[in-house]
N, C-alpha and C. Protein backbone atom coordinates (compact mmCIF):
# COMPACT_ATOMS: atom_id res chain seq x y z
N MET A 1 3.06 -8.69 14.13
CA MET A 1 2.15 -8.35 13.01
C MET A 1 0.97 -9.51 13.02
N THR A 2 -0.36 -9.01 12.47
CA THR A 2 -1.21 -9.82 12.55
C THR A 2 -1.55 -10.78 11.12
N LYS A 3 -2.23 -11.75 11.16
CA LYS A 3 -2.26 -12.21 9.83
C LYS A 3 -2.67 -11.28 8.75
N THR A 4 -4.14 -10.75 9.55
CA THR A 4 -4.21 -9.58 8.59
C THR A 4 -3.63 -8.24 7.96
N GLU A 5 -2.79 -7.89 8.84
CA GLU A 5 -1.41 -6.97 8.19
C GLU A 5 -0.49 -7.22 7.53
N GLN A 6 -0.40 -8.64 7.81
CA GLN A 6 0.37 -9.54 6.68
C GLN A 6 -0.13 -9.07 5.52
N ARG A 7 -1.65 -9.91 5.37
CA ARG A 7 -2.23 -9.87 4.17
C ARG A 7 -2.19 -8.49 3.42
N ILE A 8 -2.30 -7.23 3.93
CA ILE A 8 -2.02 -5.88 3.40
C ILE A 8 -1.44 -5.40 2.97
N ILE A 9 0.22 -6.03 3.55
CA ILE A 9 1.54 -5.65 3.44
C ILE A 9 1.76 -6.75 2.14
N ASP A 10 1.20 -7.76 2.10
CA ASP A 10 1.58 -8.80 0.75
C ASP A 10 0.63 -8.17 -0.56
N TYR A 11 -0.58 -7.39 -0.20
CA TYR A 11 -1.13 -6.99 -1.25
C TYR A 11 -0.41 -5.85 -1.86
N ALA A 12 -0.33 -4.70 -0.91
CA ALA A 12 0.04 -3.97 -1.46
C ALA A 12 1.55 -3.90 -1.97
N ALA A 13 2.70 -4.54 -1.35
CA ALA A 13 3.53 -4.77 -2.24
C ALA A 13 3.19 -5.38 -3.43
N GLU A 14 2.40 -6.31 -4.12
CA GLU A 14 2.13 -7.24 -5.06
C GLU A 14 1.62 -6.21 -5.86
N TYR A 15 0.78 -5.80 -5.62
CA TYR A 15 -0.33 -4.49 -6.26
C TYR A 15 0.87 -3.04 -6.79
N MET A 16 1.83 -3.09 -6.01
CA MET A 16 2.69 -1.97 -6.65
C MET A 16 3.66 -2.26 -7.71
N VAL A 17 4.21 -3.61 -7.42
CA VAL A 17 5.09 -3.95 -8.64
C VAL A 17 3.97 -4.62 -9.77
N LYS A 18 2.94 -4.73 -9.21
CA LYS A 18 2.10 -4.83 -10.70
C LYS A 18 1.78 -3.50 -11.49
N ASN A 19 1.39 -2.43 -10.73
CA ASN A 19 0.81 -1.19 -11.31
C ASN A 19 1.33 -0.12 -11.38
N GLY A 20 2.74 -0.44 -10.28
CA GLY A 20 3.81 0.93 -10.53
C GLY A 20 3.11 1.85 -9.49
N TYR A 21 1.97 1.80 -8.83
CA TYR A 21 1.49 3.15 -7.96
C TYR A 21 0.65 2.02 -6.72
N PRO A 22 0.57 2.35 -5.75
CA PRO A 22 0.23 1.74 -4.43
C PRO A 22 -1.48 1.83 -4.44
N PRO A 23 -1.76 0.64 -3.83
CA PRO A 23 -3.31 0.65 -3.83
C PRO A 23 -3.85 1.19 -3.03
N THR A 24 -5.61 2.31 -3.43
CA THR A 24 -6.46 2.31 -2.68
C THR A 24 -7.11 2.00 -1.25
N VAL A 25 -7.37 2.91 -0.50
CA VAL A 25 -7.96 2.06 0.62
C VAL A 25 -8.90 1.01 0.48
N ARG A 26 -9.90 1.66 -1.04
CA ARG A 26 -11.14 1.11 -1.45
C ARG A 26 -10.54 -0.56 -2.48
N ASP A 27 -9.07 -0.69 -3.02
CA ASP A 27 -8.38 -1.62 -3.39
C ASP A 27 -8.48 -2.89 -2.52
N ILE A 28 -7.79 -2.39 -1.22
CA ILE A 28 -7.35 -3.11 -0.16
C ILE A 28 -8.60 -3.70 0.74
N THR A 29 -9.96 -3.09 0.85
CA THR A 29 -11.27 -3.62 1.03
C THR A 29 -11.36 -4.61 0.34
N ALA A 30 -11.31 -4.49 -0.78
CA ALA A 30 -12.18 -5.56 -1.99
C ALA A 30 -11.01 -6.67 -1.75
N GLU A 31 -10.09 -6.14 -1.98
CA GLU A 31 -9.14 -7.93 -2.03
C GLU A 31 -9.17 -8.31 -0.42
N LEU A 32 -9.39 -7.84 0.82
CA LEU A 32 -9.84 -8.73 1.93
C LEU A 32 -11.21 -9.25 2.04
N GLY A 33 -12.00 -8.57 0.91
CA GLY A 33 -13.40 -9.31 1.39
C GLY A 33 -14.16 -8.47 2.41
N TYR A 34 -13.70 -7.10 2.91
CA TYR A 34 -14.37 -6.41 3.95
C TYR A 34 -15.32 -5.72 2.80
N LYS A 35 -16.65 -4.97 3.50
CA LYS A 35 -17.45 -4.23 3.19
C LYS A 35 -17.45 -2.95 3.47
N SER A 36 -16.66 -2.75 4.60
CA SER A 36 -16.44 -1.13 4.65
C SER A 36 -15.04 -0.88 4.80
N THR A 37 -14.90 0.35 3.92
CA THR A 37 -13.49 0.71 3.92
C THR A 37 -13.09 1.50 5.31
N SER A 38 -14.01 1.98 6.09
CA SER A 38 -13.48 1.96 7.60
C SER A 38 -12.80 1.41 8.15
N THR A 39 -13.22 -0.33 7.88
CA THR A 39 -12.51 -1.02 9.17
C THR A 39 -11.25 -1.32 8.39
N VAL A 40 -11.05 -1.37 7.29
CA VAL A 40 -9.52 -1.09 6.47
C VAL A 40 -8.47 -0.04 6.98
N PHE A 41 -9.20 1.00 7.06
CA PHE A 41 -9.02 2.37 7.28
C PHE A 41 -8.26 2.33 8.73
N GLU A 42 -9.42 1.77 10.05
CA GLU A 42 -8.51 1.77 11.19
C GLU A 42 -7.32 0.84 11.29
N LYS A 43 -7.54 -0.06 10.32
CA LYS A 43 -5.94 -1.06 10.49
C LYS A 43 -5.07 -0.39 9.96
N LEU A 44 -5.45 0.42 8.70
CA LEU A 44 -4.15 1.26 8.22
C LEU A 44 -3.62 2.28 9.66
N VAL A 45 -4.43 2.69 9.97
CA VAL A 45 -3.67 3.59 10.93
C VAL A 45 -2.85 3.02 11.91
N LYS A 46 -3.33 1.94 12.20
CA LYS A 46 -2.77 1.13 13.48
C LYS A 46 -1.51 0.92 12.89
N MET A 47 -1.26 0.21 11.73
CA MET A 47 -0.27 -0.18 10.63
C MET A 47 0.56 1.31 11.05
N ARG A 48 0.07 1.93 10.48
CA ARG A 48 1.39 3.69 10.45
C ARG A 48 1.56 4.05 11.90
N GLN A 49 0.88 3.84 12.81
CA GLN A 49 1.42 3.59 14.32
C GLN A 49 1.98 3.15 14.84
N ASP A 50 2.26 1.67 14.46
CA ASP A 50 3.51 0.46 14.54
C ASP A 50 4.71 0.99 13.56
N GLY A 51 5.20 1.86 13.07
CA GLY A 51 5.41 2.07 12.06
C GLY A 51 5.70 0.70 11.02
N ILE A 52 4.79 0.12 10.44
CA ILE A 52 5.06 -0.76 9.48
C ILE A 52 4.70 -0.24 8.05
N ILE A 53 3.70 0.57 8.26
CA ILE A 53 3.68 1.19 6.57
C ILE A 53 3.42 2.96 7.07
N ASN A 54 3.30 3.37 5.67
CA ASN A 54 3.40 4.96 6.05
C ASN A 54 2.46 5.52 4.72
N TYR A 55 1.55 6.68 5.06
CA TYR A 55 0.82 6.99 4.11
C TYR A 55 0.55 8.66 4.42
N ILE A 56 0.04 9.50 3.43
CA ILE A 56 -0.32 10.83 3.90
C ILE A 56 -1.92 11.01 3.84
N ASP A 57 -1.90 11.87 5.16
CA ASP A 57 -3.53 11.71 5.39
C ASP A 57 -4.21 12.62 4.02
N GLY A 58 -5.51 11.94 3.85
CA GLY A 58 -5.91 12.43 2.77
C GLY A 58 -5.70 12.47 1.36
N SER A 59 -4.72 12.02 1.04
CA SER A 59 -4.00 11.87 -0.03
C SER A 59 -4.24 10.22 -0.55
N PRO A 60 -5.35 10.06 -1.77
CA PRO A 60 -4.94 8.32 -2.43
C PRO A 60 -3.54 8.08 -2.80
N ARG A 61 -3.67 6.65 -2.82
CA ARG A 61 -1.99 5.90 -3.69
C ARG A 61 -0.81 6.57 -2.84
N THR A 62 -0.89 7.10 -1.57
CA THR A 62 0.69 7.41 -0.79
C THR A 62 0.82 6.22 0.00
N LEU A 63 0.35 5.20 -0.05
CA LEU A 63 0.53 4.22 0.97
C LEU A 63 2.20 3.68 0.36
N THR A 64 3.04 3.41 1.61
CA THR A 64 4.45 3.28 1.05
C THR A 64 5.03 1.84 2.42
N VAL A 65 5.49 1.08 1.86
CA VAL A 65 5.87 0.13 2.92
C VAL A 65 7.55 -0.14 2.88
N PRO A 66 7.79 0.34 4.53
CA PRO A 66 9.25 0.57 4.30
C PRO A 66 9.99 -0.63 3.97
N GLY A 67 10.91 -0.45 3.40
CA GLY A 67 11.82 -1.42 2.80
C GLY A 67 11.41 -2.25 1.75
N CYS A 68 10.23 -1.53 1.01
CA CYS A 68 9.57 -2.16 -0.09
C CYS A 68 10.18 -1.21 -1.46
N CYS A 69 10.64 -1.91 -2.39
CA CYS A 69 10.96 -1.40 -3.51
C CYS A 69 10.24 -1.96 -4.62
N TYR A 70 9.51 -0.83 -5.42
CA TYR A 70 8.97 -1.17 -6.84
C TYR A 70 9.93 -0.65 -7.79
N VAL A 71 9.37 -0.97 -9.27
CA VAL A 71 10.02 -0.24 -10.18
C VAL A 71 8.66 0.01 -11.14
N ARG A 72 8.63 1.11 -11.67
CA ARG A 72 7.94 1.68 -12.46
C ARG A 72 8.47 2.07 -14.05
N PHE A 73 7.40 2.52 -14.60
CA PHE A 73 8.53 2.84 -15.68
C PHE A 73 7.63 4.46 -16.41
N ASN A 74 8.59 5.52 -16.50
CA ASN A 74 7.72 6.68 -17.06
C ASN A 74 7.61 7.09 -18.58
N PRO A 75 6.77 7.55 -18.40
CA PRO A 75 6.30 8.02 -20.03
C PRO A 75 7.56 7.42 -21.29
N ASP A 76 8.68 8.35 -21.02
CA ASP A 76 9.63 8.17 -21.65
C ASP A 76 9.89 6.44 -21.88
N GLY A 77 9.88 5.87 -21.26
CA GLY A 77 10.68 4.32 -21.19
C GLY A 77 11.64 4.08 -20.05
N GLU A 78 12.00 5.06 -19.29
CA GLU A 78 13.04 5.00 -18.40
C GLU A 78 12.41 4.79 -17.07
N GLU A 79 13.49 3.91 -16.44
CA GLU A 79 13.21 2.97 -15.09
C GLU A 79 13.20 4.13 -13.70
N ASP A 80 11.76 4.74 -12.76
CA ASP A 80 11.58 5.21 -11.87
C ASP A 80 11.98 4.16 -10.61
N GLN A 81 12.56 4.45 -9.58
CA GLN A 81 12.43 3.29 -8.68
C GLN A 81 11.95 4.18 -7.49
N ASN A 82 11.06 3.58 -6.40
CA ASN A 82 10.49 4.00 -5.83
C ASN A 82 10.97 3.09 -4.09
N ASP A 83 11.57 3.48 -3.38
CA ASP A 83 12.20 2.59 -2.58
C ASP A 83 11.18 2.17 -0.94
N GLY A 84 9.70 2.87 -1.44
CA GLY A 84 8.92 3.08 0.16
C GLY A 84 9.33 4.12 0.81
N GLU A 85 10.26 5.05 0.88
CA GLU A 85 10.47 6.00 1.53
C GLU A 85 10.10 7.54 1.61
């Protein structure tokens, strides 16, 4: 895994824990200091091909990191878990 890929994983995991949902490509682009979302998108495509992450094409905030579990609370205050699958 490259350093950039690791930075993306670290940021995505931290973002998901903090916010309860995954970051967008724009969020990741801003965090890494890139100017173009296409650069980050190309990296995400490669990471998905390598099995490092997964996401649904054309849908924002669907990025998952296998093995990464984050917890969020639904409007009723009950805990929901997402195990990255």
